[in-house]
Amino acid sequence: MRGDKGYKRYLLVNLGNTNCQFAIGYRNGYGERTSGFGLERVWSIPTEGLNCDVIIQECRDIITELSQKGASIHPRAFISSVVHKKDTALKDALLRLLRQPPVFVSPSMDRKFLGRLGIKKIDYEQAESLGADRLLNAIAAYQLYSRRNVIIVDIGTAINFDCLSQDGIFLGGAIAPGPFVSKSALIQHAEGLYDFVLSDMQTLTDIGKNTNDCLKIGFIIGFSGLIDRIIQYLSSQMDDDVYAVATGGGAEVFSRFCKEINDHVQFLTLKGLLFFSSMDLYLE
């Protein structure tokens, strides 16, 4: 199906504080007329080592392989970035690869583009300071859960809670420290504690009987409680029923333990970029 005539493929980039995600997304149609979409490939590079040569090396072979199969990439890439010191490297690399400058998604873009994707209003002081990832998560949530009040919980370096009304108004939200940064800080500053892997937690023991289990219980129960409590608070400020969606690197782990999480969606920001790519018709 994804090789059928009518499908377009885009290079999508989600530049975060820890990792830079790349994806090849496919789509058929525009905006609300999109009849099929998805992510064919997703890969990542640590943000710290990101530069123009690394980006070209990581992307060129995949783009060439797809081209040889007759599945060419649209010359305009779409980027979400919250690490702006790396923007130039991304822009230069993608310009060399695709021969057109990429589009950096920003809340300051023309509101007509956002409106066509369901975001009717950004009710946020200094809207230009809103991270592109938060805006794209809202776009994806509106497209996937239209006519519902949604709280998006993006669990990464920080935990972003973003509230979207059923009629497409971005209402704001909350930001809390993320579990992975907190874990690294604790291990670094507390003698006698050793690193552990949160994703190993499938079930919880009743009471921790060793330091490793005690740490895992503290982090899982502690951050699950934080997430649930903030969702409860934000829900109380919104009208009608609220649907909470988890995404980000920590979503798979914490969605198993959070009582207030209704759904877990992988790569929500990248899917928001794919929906936004339907605006290429208007950006020509």
C-alpha atoms as a PDB file:
ATOM      1  CA  MET A   1       0.000   0.000   0.000  1.00  0.00           C
ATOM      2  CA  ARG A   2       2.748   2.466   0.923  1.00  0.00           C
ATOM      3  CA  GLY A   3       4.217   2.138  -2.542  1.00  0.00           C
ATOM      4  CA  ASP A   4       0.929   3.040  -4.210  1.00  0.00           C
ATOM      5  CA  LYS A   5       0.662   6.110  -6.372  1.00  0.00           C
ATOM      6  CA  GLY A   6      -0.602   9.090  -4.406  1.00  0.00           C
ATOM      7  CA  TYR A   7       1.413   8.480  -1.248  1.00  0.00           C
ATOM      8  CA  LYS A   8       4.000  11.089  -0.341  1.00  0.00           C
ATOM      9  CA  ARG A   9       6.987  10.444   1.887  1.00  0.00           C
ATOM     10  CA  TYR A  10       8.590  13.019   4.126  1.00  0.00           C
ATOM     11  CA  LEU A  11      11.692  13.200   6.241  1.00  0.00           C
ATOM     12  CA  LEU A  12      10.567  14.240   9.738  1.00  0.00           C
ATOM     13  CA  VAL A  13      12.889  15.373  12.534  1.00  0.00           C
ATOM     14  CA  ASN A  14      12.146  15.754  16.245  1.00  0.00           C
ATOM     15  CA  LEU A  15      15.169  17.397  17.883  1.00  0.00           C
ATOM     16  CA  GLY A  16      14.939  16.956  21.651  1.00  0.00           C
ATOM     17  CA  ASN A  17      17.248  17.645  24.547  1.00  0.00           C
ATOM     18  CA  THR A  18      18.505  14.055  24.784  1.00  0.00           C
ATOM     19  CA  ASN A  19      17.951  12.509  21.358  1.00  0.00           C
ATOM     20  CA  CYS A  20      17.195  13.623  17.829  1.00  0.00           C
ATOM     21  CA  GLN A  21      14.569  11.388  16.235  1.00  0.00           C
ATOM     22  CA  PHE A  22      14.312  10.961  12.478  1.00  0.00           C
ATOM     23  CA  ALA A  23      11.462   9.279  10.637  1.00  0.00           C
ATOM     24  CA  ILE A  24      10.207   8.591   7.167  1.00  0.00           C
ATOM     25  CA  GLY A  25       6.500   9.338   7.193  1.00  0.00           C
ATOM     26  CA  TYR A  26       4.002   8.536   4.450  1.00  0.00           C
ATOM     27  CA  ARG A  27       0.680  10.216   3.805  1.00  0.00           C
ATOM     28  CA  ASN A  28      -2.059  10.263   1.189  1.00  0.00           C
ATOM     29  CA  GLY A  29      -4.169  13.417   0.985  1.00  0.00           C
ATOM     30  CA  TYR A  30      -4.145  16.823   2.639  1.00  0.00           C
ATOM     31  CA  GLY A  31      -5.224  17.992   6.081  1.00  0.00           C
ATOM     32  CA  GLU A  32      -8.640  16.627   6.984  1.00  0.00           C
ATOM     33  CA  ARG A  33      -8.612  14.670   3.701  1.00  0.00           C
ATOM     34  CA  THR A  34      -5.665  12.547   4.781  1.00  0.00           C
ATOM     35  CA  SER A  35      -6.858   8.988   4.158  1.00  0.00           C
ATOM     36  CA  GLY A  36      -3.756   7.066   5.141  1.00  0.00           C
ATOM     37  CA  PHE A  37      -0.639   7.894   7.092  1.00  0.00           C
ATOM     38  CA  GLY A  38       2.083   6.322   9.179  1.00  0.00           C
ATOM     39  CA  LEU A  39       5.778   6.126  10.007  1.00  0.00           C
ATOM     40  CA  GLU A  40       7.816   3.661   7.960  1.00  0.00           C
ATOM     41  CA  ARG A  41      11.113   4.095   9.753  1.00  0.00           C
ATOM     42  CA  VAL A  42      12.207   5.770  12.954  1.00  0.00           C
ATOM     43  CA  TRP A  43      15.777   6.121  14.160  1.00  0.00           C
ATOM     44  CA  SER A  44      17.619   8.423  16.556  1.00  0.00           C
ATOM     45  CA  ILE A  45      20.962  10.094  17.194  1.00  0.00           C
ATOM     46  CA  PRO A  46      22.159  11.480  20.553  1.00  0.00           C
ATOM     47  CA  THR A  47      21.642  15.227  20.435  1.00  0.00           C
ATOM     48  CA  GLU A  48      25.014  15.968  22.002  1.00  0.00           C
ATOM     49  CA  GLY A  49      26.958  14.558  19.045  1.00  0.00           C
ATOM     50  CA  LEU A  50      24.700  15.952  16.342  1.00  0.00           C
ATOM     51  CA  ASN A  51      26.421  17.818  13.512  1.00  0.00           C
ATOM     52  CA  CYS A  52      25.982  18.298   9.776  1.00  0.00           C
ATOM     53  CA  ASP A  53      28.222  15.363   8.738  1.00  0.00           C
ATOM     54  CA  VAL A  54      26.587  12.933  11.181  1.00  0.00           C
ATOM     55  CA  ILE A  55      23.095  13.885   9.972  1.00  0.00           C
ATOM     56  CA  ILE A  56      24.044  13.371   6.312  1.00  0.00           C
ATOM     57  CA  GLN A  57      25.697  10.043   7.101  1.00  0.00           C
ATOM     58  CA  GLU A  58      22.666   8.801   9.052  1.00  0.00           C
ATOM     59  CA  CYS A  59      20.074   9.851   6.470  1.00  0.00           C
ATOM     60  CA  ARG A  60      21.709   9.486   3.064  1.00  0.00           C
ATOM     61  CA  ASP A  61      21.654   5.681   2.817  1.00  0.00           C
ATOM     62  CA  ILE A  62      17.981   5.439   3.814  1.00  0.00           C
ATOM     63  CA  ILE A  63      16.957   8.150   1.360  1.00  0.00           C
ATOM     64  CA  THR A  64      18.998   6.475  -1.414  1.00  0.00           C
ATOM     65  CA  GLU A  65      17.518   3.058  -0.637  1.00  0.00           C
ATOM     66  CA  LEU A  66      13.965   4.377  -0.827  1.00  0.00           C
ATOM     67  CA  SER A  67      14.732   6.250  -4.032  1.00  0.00           C
ATOM     68  CA  GLN A  68      16.068   3.070  -5.649  1.00  0.00           C
ATOM     69  CA  LYS A  69      12.753   1.388  -4.797  1.00  0.00           C
ATOM     70  CA  GLY A  70      10.841   4.193  -6.482  1.00  0.00           C
ATOM     71  CA  ALA A  71       9.734   5.721  -3.184  1.00  0.00           C
ATOM     72  CA  SER A  72      11.274   9.169  -3.356  1.00  0.00           C
ATOM     73  CA  ILE A  73      11.291  11.609  -0.450  1.00  0.00           C
ATOM     74  CA  HIS A  74       9.534  14.966  -0.732  1.00  0.00           C
ATOM     75  CA  PRO A  75      12.232  17.681  -1.023  1.00  0.00           C
ATOM     76  CA  ARG A  76      10.883  19.579   1.980  1.00  0.00           C
ATOM     77  CA  ALA A  77      11.679  18.117   5.419  1.00  0.00           C
ATOM     78  CA  PHE A  78       9.744  19.139   8.536  1.00  0.00           C
ATOM     79  CA  ILE A  79      11.461  19.789  11.856  1.00  0.00           C
ATOM     80  CA  SER A  80      10.496  20.218  15.490  1.00  0.00           C
ATOM     81  CA  SER A  81      13.397  21.609  17.512  1.00  0.00           C
ATOM     82  CA  VAL A  82      13.809  22.566  21.154  1.00  0.00           C
ATOM     83  CA  VAL A  83      17.627  22.720  20.924  1.00  0.00           C
ATOM     84  CA  HIS A  84      18.103  25.725  18.700  1.00  0.00           C
ATOM     85  CA  LYS A  85      21.907  25.697  18.802  1.00  0.00           C
ATOM     86  CA  LYS A  86      21.687  22.581  16.588  1.00  0.00           C
ATOM     87  CA  ASP A  87      19.247  24.121  14.084  1.00  0.00           C
ATOM     88  CA  THR A  88      21.931  25.329  11.696  1.00  0.00           C
ATOM     89  CA  ALA A  89      23.473  21.862  11.411  1.00  0.00           C
ATOM     90  CA  LEU A  90      20.063  20.389  10.643  1.00  0.00           C
ATOM     91  CA  LYS A  91      19.221  23.065   8.108  1.00  0.00           C
ATOM     92  CA  ASP A  92      22.548  22.744   6.284  1.00  0.00           C
ATOM     93  CA  ALA A  93      22.490  18.936   6.241  1.00  0.00           C
ATOM     94  CA  LEU A  94      18.927  18.638   4.965  1.00  0.00           C
ATOM     95  CA  LEU A  95      19.483  21.335   2.364  1.00  0.00           C
ATOM     96  CA  ARG A  96      22.421  19.330   1.021  1.00  0.00           C
ATOM     97  CA  LEU A  97      20.430  16.071   1.086  1.00  0.00           C
ATOM     98  CA  LEU A  98      17.078  17.256  -0.300  1.00  0.00           C
ATOM     99  CA  ARG A  99      17.993  20.471  -2.188  1.00  0.00           C
ATOM    100  CA  GLN A 100      15.325  22.533  -0.424  1.00  0.00           C
ATOM    101  CA  PRO A 101      15.458  24.256   2.971  1.00  0.00           C
ATOM    102  CA  PRO A 102      13.486  22.412   5.666  1.00  0.00           C
ATOM    103  CA  VAL A 103      10.482  23.843   7.495  1.00  0.00           C
ATOM    104  CA  PHE A 104      10.946  24.495  11.216  1.00  0.00           C
ATOM    105  CA  VAL A 105       7.557  24.313  12.939  1.00  0.00           C
ATOM    106  CA  SER A 106       6.933  27.227  15.295  1.00  0.00           C
ATOM    107  CA  PRO A 107       3.948  28.641  17.224  1.00  0.00           C
ATOM    108  CA  SER A 108       4.628  31.952  15.493  1.00  0.00           C
ATOM    109  CA  MET A 109       3.733  30.498  12.090  1.00  0.00           C
ATOM    110  CA  ASP A 110       0.670  31.805  10.286  1.00  0.00           C
ATOM    111  CA  ARG A 111      -2.382  30.807  12.319  1.00  0.00           C
ATOM    112  CA  LYS A 112      -4.222  29.719   9.177  1.00  0.00           C
ATOM    113  CA  PHE A 113      -1.891  26.702   8.916  1.00  0.00           C
ATOM    114  CA  LEU A 114      -2.595  25.712  12.507  1.00  0.00           C
ATOM    115  CA  GLY A 115      -6.323  26.295  12.058  1.00  0.00           C
ATOM    116  CA  ARG A 116      -6.476  23.922   9.121  1.00  0.00           C
ATOM    117  CA  LEU A 117      -4.998  21.264  11.404  1.00  0.00           C
ATOM    118  CA  GLY A 118      -7.518  21.879  14.170  1.00  0.00           C
ATOM    119  CA  ILE A 119      -5.656  24.300  16.454  1.00  0.00           C
ATOM    120  CA  LYS A 120      -8.040  27.246  16.496  1.00  0.00           C
ATOM    121  CA  LYS A 121      -6.340  29.250  19.231  1.00  0.00           C
ATOM    122  CA  ILE A 122      -3.223  29.186  21.432  1.00  0.00           C
ATOM    123  CA  ASP A 123      -4.346  30.463  24.834  1.00  0.00           C
ATOM    124  CA  TYR A 124      -0.829  30.838  26.225  1.00  0.00           C
ATOM    125  CA  GLU A 125       1.080  33.924  27.356  1.00  0.00           C
ATOM    126  CA  GLN A 126       4.018  34.625  25.039  1.00  0.00           C
ATOM    127  CA  ALA A 127       2.856  31.915  22.646  1.00  0.00           C
ATOM    128  CA  GLU A 128       6.127  32.178  20.723  1.00  0.00           C
ATOM    129  CA  SER A 129       7.879  30.610  23.734  1.00  0.00           C
ATOM    130  CA  LEU A 130       5.812  27.436  23.421  1.00  0.00           C
ATOM    131  CA  GLY A 131       7.986  24.524  22.339  1.00  0.00           C
ATOM    132  CA  ALA A 132       7.345  23.188  18.841  1.00  0.00           C
ATOM    133  CA  ASP A 133       7.053  19.674  20.268  1.00  0.00           C
ATOM    134  CA  ARG A 134       4.169  20.729  22.522  1.00  0.00           C
ATOM    135  CA  LEU A 135       2.351  22.358  19.600  1.00  0.00           C
ATOM    136  CA  LEU A 136       2.831  19.304  17.379  1.00  0.00           C
ATOM    137  CA  ASN A 137       1.635  16.977  20.126  1.00  0.00           C
ATOM    138  CA  ALA A 138      -1.536  19.072  20.277  1.00  0.00           C
ATOM    139  CA  ILE A 139      -1.963  18.868  16.494  1.00  0.00           C
ATOM    140  CA  ALA A 140      -1.573  15.073  16.576  1.00  0.00           C
ATOM    141  CA  ALA A 141      -3.946  14.745  19.537  1.00  0.00           C
ATOM    142  CA  TYR A 142      -6.610  16.806  17.795  1.00  0.00           C
ATOM    143  CA  GLN A 143      -6.340  14.693  14.649  1.00  0.00           C
ATOM    144  CA  LEU A 144      -6.351  11.393  16.553  1.00  0.00           C
ATOM    145  CA  TYR A 145      -8.885  12.271  19.271  1.00  0.00           C
ATOM    146  CA  SER A 146     -11.033  14.961  17.690  1.00  0.00           C
ATOM    147  CA  ARG A 147     -14.050  16.180  19.666  1.00  0.00           C
ATOM    148  CA  ARG A 148     -12.470  15.185  22.968  1.00  0.00           C
ATOM    149  CA  ASN A 149     -10.780  17.185  25.709  1.00  0.00           C
ATOM    150  CA  VAL A 150      -7.248  15.811  25.830  1.00  0.00           C
ATOM    151  CA  ILE A 151      -4.309  16.075  28.214  1.00  0.00           C
ATOM    152  CA  ILE A 152      -1.054  15.080  26.530  1.00  0.00           C
ATOM    153  CA  VAL A 153       1.624  13.793  28.909  1.00  0.00           C
ATOM    154  CA  ASP A 154       5.033  13.786  27.201  1.00  0.00           C
ATOM    155  CA  ILE A 155       7.483  11.958  29.484  1.00  0.00           C
ATOM    156  CA  GLY A 156      11.042  12.794  28.495  1.00  0.00           C
ATOM    157  CA  THR A 157      13.782  15.063  29.812  1.00  0.00           C
ATOM    158  CA  ALA A 158      10.909  16.999  31.359  1.00  0.00           C
ATOM    159  CA  ILE A 159       7.290  15.891  31.727  1.00  0.00           C
ATOM    160  CA  ASN A 160       5.093  18.208  29.681  1.00  0.00           C
ATOM    161  CA  PHE A 161       1.365  18.260  30.392  1.00  0.00           C
ATOM    162  CA  ASP A 162      -0.563  20.008  27.620  1.00  0.00           C
ATOM    163  CA  CYS A 163      -4.314  20.627  27.645  1.00  0.00           C
ATOM    164  CA  LEU A 164      -6.333  20.743  24.442  1.00  0.00           C
ATOM    165  CA  SER A 165     -10.054  21.474  24.371  1.00  0.00           C
ATOM    166  CA  GLN A 166     -12.424  19.501  22.166  1.00  0.00           C
ATOM    167  CA  ASP A 167     -12.852  22.529  19.909  1.00  0.00           C
ATOM    168  CA  GLY A 168      -9.125  22.891  19.255  1.00  0.00           C
ATOM    169  CA  ILE A 169      -7.997  25.483  21.801  1.00  0.00           C
ATOM    170  CA  PHE A 170      -4.555  24.942  23.293  1.00  0.00           C
ATOM    171  CA  LEU A 171      -5.186  25.847  26.930  1.00  0.00           C
ATOM    172  CA  GLY A 172      -1.692  25.572  28.439  1.00  0.00           C
ATOM    173  CA  GLY A 173      -0.663  22.965  30.977  1.00  0.00           C
ATOM    174  CA  ALA A 174       2.165  22.155  33.370  1.00  0.00           C
ATOM    175  CA  ILE A 175       5.842  21.134  33.301  1.00  0.00           C
ATOM    176  CA  ALA A 176       7.529  18.831  35.821  1.00  0.00           C
ATOM    177  CA  PRO A 177      11.061  17.384  36.027  1.00  0.00           C
ATOM    178  CA  GLY A 178      11.468  14.126  34.122  1.00  0.00           C
ATOM    179  CA  PRO A 179      12.369  10.780  35.699  1.00  0.00           C
ATOM    180  CA  PHE A 180      15.517  10.176  33.666  1.00  0.00           C
ATOM    181  CA  VAL A 181      17.163  13.498  34.515  1.00  0.00           C
ATOM    182  CA  SER A 182      16.132  13.076  38.141  1.00  0.00           C
ATOM    183  CA  LYS A 183      17.602   9.576  38.221  1.00  0.00           C
ATOM    184  CA  SER A 184      20.904  10.754  36.738  1.00  0.00           C
ATOM    185  CA  ALA A 185      21.144  13.619  39.244  1.00  0.00           C
ATOM    186  CA  LEU A 186      20.464  11.301  42.182  1.00  0.00           C
ATOM    187  CA  ILE A 187      23.041   8.716  41.083  1.00  0.00           C
ATOM    188  CA  GLN A 188      25.604  11.458  40.488  1.00  0.00           C
ATOM    189  CA  HIS A 189      25.200  13.158  43.850  1.00  0.00           C
ATOM    190  CA  ALA A 190      24.342  10.307  46.261  1.00  0.00           C
ATOM    191  CA  GLU A 191      27.242   8.064  47.258  1.00  0.00           C
ATOM    192  CA  GLY A 192      26.506   4.342  47.316  1.00  0.00           C
ATOM    193  CA  LEU A 193      23.671   4.446  44.790  1.00  0.00           C
ATOM    194  CA  TYR A 194      24.090   2.800  41.418  1.00  0.00           C
ATOM    195  CA  ASP A 195      22.353   3.330  38.122  1.00  0.00           C
ATOM    196  CA  PHE A 196      19.340   1.216  37.247  1.00  0.00           C
ATOM    197  CA  VAL A 197      17.026   0.756  34.269  1.00  0.00           C
ATOM    198  CA  LEU A 198      13.473   1.974  34.751  1.00  0.00           C
ATOM    199  CA  SER A 199      12.222   0.007  31.763  1.00  0.00           C
ATOM    200  CA  ASP A 200      13.037  -3.242  33.611  1.00  0.00           C
ATOM    201  CA  MET A 201      10.055  -2.614  35.864  1.00  0.00           C
ATOM    202  CA  GLN A 202       7.199  -4.886  34.777  1.00  0.00           C
ATOM    203  CA  THR A 203       5.692  -5.383  38.227  1.00  0.00           C
ATOM    204  CA  LEU A 204       6.411  -3.981  41.681  1.00  0.00           C
ATOM    205  CA  THR A 205       7.520  -5.974  44.712  1.00  0.00           C
ATOM    206  CA  ASP A 206       5.569  -5.297  47.901  1.00  0.00           C
ATOM    207  CA  ILE A 207       8.504  -3.698  49.722  1.00  0.00           C
ATOM    208  CA  GLY A 208      12.005  -3.188  48.348  1.00  0.00           C
ATOM    209  CA  LYS A 209      14.488  -5.676  49.828  1.00  0.00           C
ATOM    210  CA  ASN A 210      17.607  -4.224  48.203  1.00  0.00           C
ATOM    211  CA  THR A 211      18.808  -0.792  47.159  1.00  0.00           C
ATOM    212  CA  ASN A 212      18.073  -1.367  43.465  1.00  0.00           C
ATOM    213  CA  ASP A 213      14.451  -2.381  44.088  1.00  0.00           C
ATOM    214  CA  CYS A 214      13.977   0.450  46.589  1.00  0.00           C
ATOM    215  CA  LEU A 215      15.126   2.973  43.971  1.00  0.00           C
ATOM    216  CA  LYS A 216      12.873   1.516  41.294  1.00  0.00           C
ATOM    217  CA  ILE A 217       9.830   1.536  43.580  1.00  0.00           C
ATOM    218  CA  GLY A 218      10.568   5.099  44.630  1.00  0.00           C
ATOM    219  CA  PHE A 219      10.865   6.316  41.070  1.00  0.00           C
ATOM    220  CA  ILE A 220       7.965   4.333  39.608  1.00  0.00           C
ATOM    221  CA  ILE A 221       5.489   5.070  42.407  1.00  0.00           C
ATOM    222  CA  GLY A 222       6.780   8.602  42.922  1.00  0.00           C
ATOM    223  CA  PHE A 223       6.575   9.735  39.302  1.00  0.00           C
ATOM    224  CA  SER A 224       3.372   7.785  38.614  1.00  0.00           C
ATOM    225  CA  GLY A 225       1.820   9.612  41.547  1.00  0.00           C
ATOM    226  CA  LEU A 226       3.122  12.937  40.292  1.00  0.00           C
ATOM    227  CA  ILE A 227       1.688  12.297  36.828  1.00  0.00           C
ATOM    228  CA  ASP A 228      -1.686  11.148  38.158  1.00  0.00           C
ATOM    229  CA  ARG A 229      -2.014  14.084  40.546  1.00  0.00           C
ATOM    230  CA  ILE A 230      -1.200  16.694  37.910  1.00  0.00           C
ATOM    231  CA  ILE A 231      -3.660  15.097  35.467  1.00  0.00           C
ATOM    232  CA  GLN A 232      -6.323  15.221  38.191  1.00  0.00           C
ATOM    233  CA  TYR A 233      -5.596  18.882  38.872  1.00  0.00           C
ATOM    234  CA  LEU A 234      -5.623  19.892  35.197  1.00  0.00           C
ATOM    235  CA  SER A 235      -8.759  17.855  34.537  1.00  0.00           C
ATOM    236  CA  SER A 236     -10.537  19.740  37.300  1.00  0.00           C
ATOM    237  CA  GLN A 237      -9.825  22.985  35.411  1.00  0.00           C
ATOM    238  CA  MET A 238     -11.295  21.693  32.133  1.00  0.00           C
ATOM    239  CA  ASP A 239     -14.896  21.112  31.077  1.00  0.00           C
ATOM    240  CA  ASP A 240     -16.448  17.660  30.689  1.00  0.00           C
ATOM    241  CA  ASP A 241     -14.536  14.385  30.525  1.00  0.00           C
ATOM    242  CA  VAL A 242     -10.810  14.434  29.776  1.00  0.00           C
ATOM    243  CA  TYR A 243      -8.801  11.794  27.900  1.00  0.00           C
ATOM    244  CA  ALA A 244      -5.140  11.540  28.968  1.00  0.00           C
ATOM    245  CA  VAL A 245      -2.576  10.352  26.427  1.00  0.00           C
ATOM    246  CA  ALA A 246       1.030   9.467  27.276  1.00  0.00           C
ATOM    247  CA  THR A 247       3.937   9.731  24.861  1.00  0.00           C
ATOM    248  CA  GLY A 248       7.704  10.157  25.018  1.00  0.00           C
ATOM    249  CA  GLY A 249      10.557   7.920  26.146  1.00  0.00           C
ATOM    250  CA  GLY A 250       9.048   7.156  29.548  1.00  0.00           C
ATOM    251  CA  ALA A 251       5.458   6.621  28.425  1.00  0.00           C
ATOM    252  CA  GLU A 252       5.601   2.848  28.025  1.00  0.00           C
ATOM    253  CA  VAL A 253       6.875   2.351  31.580  1.00  0.00           C
ATOM    254  CA  PHE A 254       4.735   4.864  33.422  1.00  0.00           C
ATOM    255  CA  SER A 255       1.491   4.294  31.520  1.00  0.00           C
ATOM    256  CA  ARG A 256       1.415   0.813  33.083  1.00  0.00           C
ATOM    257  CA  PHE A 257       1.356   2.285  36.584  1.00  0.00           C
ATOM    258  CA  CYS A 258      -0.569   5.554  36.145  1.00  0.00           C
ATOM    259  CA  LYS A 259      -4.287   5.240  36.863  1.00  0.00           C
ATOM    260  CA  GLU A 260      -5.157   8.459  35.012  1.00  0.00           C
ATOM    261  CA  ILE A 261      -3.510   7.579  31.675  1.00  0.00           C
ATOM    262  CA  ASN A 262      -6.051   6.382  29.092  1.00  0.00           C
ATOM    263  CA  ASP A 263      -3.780   5.704  26.129  1.00  0.00           C
ATOM    264  CA  HIS A 264      -0.120   5.419  25.135  1.00  0.00           C
ATOM    265  CA  VAL A 265       0.953   6.640  21.683  1.00  0.00           C
ATOM    266  CA  GLN A 266       4.484   6.201  20.393  1.00  0.00           C
ATOM    267  CA  PHE A 267       6.119   9.068  18.496  1.00  0.00           C
ATOM    268  CA  LEU A 268       3.256  11.536  18.922  1.00  0.00           C
ATOM    269  CA  THR A 269       5.469  14.519  17.995  1.00  0.00           C
ATOM    270  CA  LEU A 270       6.598  12.814  14.781  1.00  0.00           C
ATOM    271  CA  LYS A 271       2.964  12.060  13.941  1.00  0.00           C
ATOM    272  CA  GLY A 272       2.195  15.731  14.554  1.00  0.00           C
ATOM    273  CA  LEU A 273       4.936  16.591  12.058  1.00  0.00           C
ATOM    274  CA  LEU A 274       3.400  14.184   9.563  1.00  0.00           C
ATOM    275  CA  PHE A 275       0.006  15.867   9.920  1.00  0.00           C
ATOM    276  CA  PHE A 276       1.713  19.245   9.602  1.00  0.00           C
ATOM    277  CA  SER A 277       3.402  18.083   6.383  1.00  0.00           C
ATOM    278  CA  SER A 278      -0.029  18.143   4.748  1.00  0.00           C
ATOM    279  CA  MET A 279       0.458  21.918   4.732  1.00  0.00           C
ATOM    280  CA  ASP A 280       3.124  21.578   2.019  1.00  0.00           C
ATOM    281  CA  LEU A 281       0.395  22.416  -0.478  1.00  0.00           C
ATOM    282  CA  TYR A 282      -0.001  25.846   1.176  1.00  0.00           C
ATOM    283  CA  LEU A 283       3.704  26.400   1.755  1.00  0.00           C
ATOM    284  CA  GLU A 284       4.688  26.145  -1.897  1.00  0.00           C
END
